[in-house]
Amino acid sequence: METYEVIISPDALKSLDDITDYILTVLMSPEAADNTYSAIYKAINGLDFMPQRYAVLPEDFLEKTGVRRMQVRNYFIYFHVDEYQKQVNIIDVLYVGREQRDSFDPAEE
């Protein structure tokens, strides 16, 4: 069974913290904040096995970089699979309702 090392970028960590803080402070739901954080973190860690099960995104500017996306609840997790290094690089975690194209530039990753 081949596994991959999962590396979470600083941007993704900050986004996950921001999501958790928003649910905790604005929506005032500690249980939902904890459950959402746990679900996203579990999904990210689950990318250590067969991360290619998620297709490369068809959007023109993302297709060239090999960025993939999975959805967990109301959030997209963007990542890139490095087959040579056997790594999954988590680029960012974004709210589904947000304009995705303008939210990050995968060329900077």
Protein backbone atom coordinates (compact mmCIF):
# COMPACT_ATOMS: atom_id res chain seq x y z
CA MET A 1 0.00 0.00 0.00
CA GLU A 2 1.62 3.20 -1.20
CA THR A 3 1.09 6.26 0.98
CA TYR A 4 1.86 9.93 0.52
CA GLU A 5 3.13 12.54 2.93
CA VAL A 6 0.51 15.25 3.42
CA ILE A 7 1.90 18.77 3.75
CA ILE A 8 -0.43 21.60 4.73
CA SER A 9 0.62 25.05 3.52
CA PRO A 10 0.62 28.06 5.83
CA ASP A 11 -2.25 29.53 3.74
CA ALA A 12 -4.35 26.39 4.26
CA LEU A 13 -3.62 26.37 7.99
CA LYS A 14 -4.62 30.03 8.27
CA SER A 15 -7.81 29.40 6.28
CA LEU A 16 -8.72 26.47 8.53
CA ASP A 17 -8.14 28.64 11.61
CA ASP A 18 -10.22 31.46 10.09
CA ILE A 19 -13.06 29.06 9.29
CA THR A 20 -13.03 27.69 12.83
CA ASP A 21 -12.87 31.18 14.36
CA TYR A 22 -15.77 32.38 12.20
CA ILE A 23 -18.00 29.49 13.21
CA LEU A 24 -16.99 29.92 16.84
CA THR A 25 -17.26 33.70 17.19
CA VAL A 26 -19.74 34.84 14.54
CA LEU A 27 -22.06 31.85 14.41
CA MET A 28 -21.39 31.22 18.11
CA SER A 29 -21.40 27.46 17.75
CA PRO A 30 -18.41 25.80 19.46
CA GLU A 31 -19.67 22.32 18.64
CA ALA A 32 -20.08 23.13 14.93
CA ALA A 33 -16.63 24.76 14.88
CA ASP A 34 -15.05 21.66 16.41
CA ASN A 35 -16.97 19.28 14.12
CA THR A 36 -16.10 21.25 10.99
CA TYR A 37 -12.42 21.48 11.92
CA SER A 38 -12.32 17.75 12.67
CA ALA A 39 -14.06 16.81 9.41
CA ILE A 40 -11.73 18.94 7.28
CA TYR A 41 -8.60 17.79 9.09
CA LYS A 42 -9.65 14.13 8.82
CA ALA A 43 -10.32 14.54 5.09
CA ILE A 44 -6.94 16.21 4.57
CA ASN A 45 -5.15 13.40 6.39
CA GLY A 46 -7.11 10.89 4.31
CA LEU A 47 -5.32 12.15 1.21
CA ASP A 48 -2.30 10.10 2.25
CA PHE A 49 -3.80 7.17 0.32
CA MET A 50 -4.91 7.40 -3.33
CA PRO A 51 -5.08 11.19 -3.62
CA GLN A 52 -5.53 10.78 -7.38
CA ARG A 53 -9.14 9.68 -6.76
CA TYR A 54 -9.94 13.39 -7.12
CA ALA A 55 -9.65 14.64 -10.68
CA VAL A 56 -7.49 17.53 -11.82
CA LEU A 57 -9.72 20.59 -12.06
CA PRO A 58 -10.97 21.41 -15.56
CA GLU A 59 -10.67 25.20 -15.16
CA ASP A 60 -8.08 26.44 -17.63
CA PHE A 61 -5.78 28.20 -15.20
CA LEU A 62 -5.85 25.32 -12.74
CA GLU A 63 -5.56 22.44 -15.18
CA LYS A 64 -2.02 23.41 -16.13
CA THR A 65 -0.86 23.20 -12.53
CA GLY A 66 -2.47 19.86 -11.72
CA VAL A 67 -4.56 21.25 -8.87
CA ARG A 68 -7.23 18.93 -7.51
CA ARG A 69 -10.17 19.69 -5.25
CA MET A 70 -12.31 17.80 -2.80
CA GLN A 71 -15.36 19.02 -0.96
CA VAL A 72 -15.91 18.56 2.77
CA ARG A 73 -19.20 20.00 3.98
CA ASN A 74 -19.31 23.61 2.72
CA TYR A 75 -15.59 23.83 1.98
CA PHE A 76 -13.28 23.00 -0.91
CA ILE A 77 -9.82 21.67 -0.16
CA TYR A 78 -7.37 22.45 -2.97
CA PHE A 79 -4.28 20.29 -3.30
CA HIS A 80 -1.54 19.13 -5.64
CA VAL A 81 -0.12 15.60 -5.85
CA ASP A 82 3.64 15.32 -6.33
CA GLU A 83 4.14 11.78 -7.64
CA TYR A 84 7.92 12.05 -7.65
CA GLN A 85 8.19 13.04 -3.98
CA LYS A 86 5.07 11.05 -2.96
CA GLN A 87 3.59 14.16 -1.35
CA VAL A 88 0.20 15.80 -1.26
CA ASN A 89 0.49 19.56 -0.87
CA ILE A 90 -2.61 21.21 0.57
CA ILE A 91 -2.84 24.63 -1.07
CA ASP A 92 -5.90 26.14 0.62
CA VAL A 93 -9.31 25.53 2.18
CA LEU A 94 -12.07 27.81 0.90
CA TYR A 95 -15.79 28.27 1.53
CA VAL A 96 -17.84 26.83 -1.35
CA GLY A 97 -19.84 30.05 -1.80
CA ARG A 98 -16.72 32.15 -2.33
CA GLU A 99 -15.47 33.10 -5.79
CA GLN A 100 -12.89 30.35 -6.27
CA ARG A 101 -10.88 31.72 -9.19
CA ASP A 102 -10.07 34.97 -7.40
CA SER A 103 -9.30 33.39 -4.03
CA PHE A 104 -5.82 32.08 -4.68
CA ASP A 105 -3.17 31.83 -7.35
CA PRO A 106 -1.84 28.27 -7.58
CA ALA A 107 1.16 29.54 -9.54
CA GLU A 108 2.39 31.13 -6.30
CA GLU A 109 2.37 27.76 -4.49
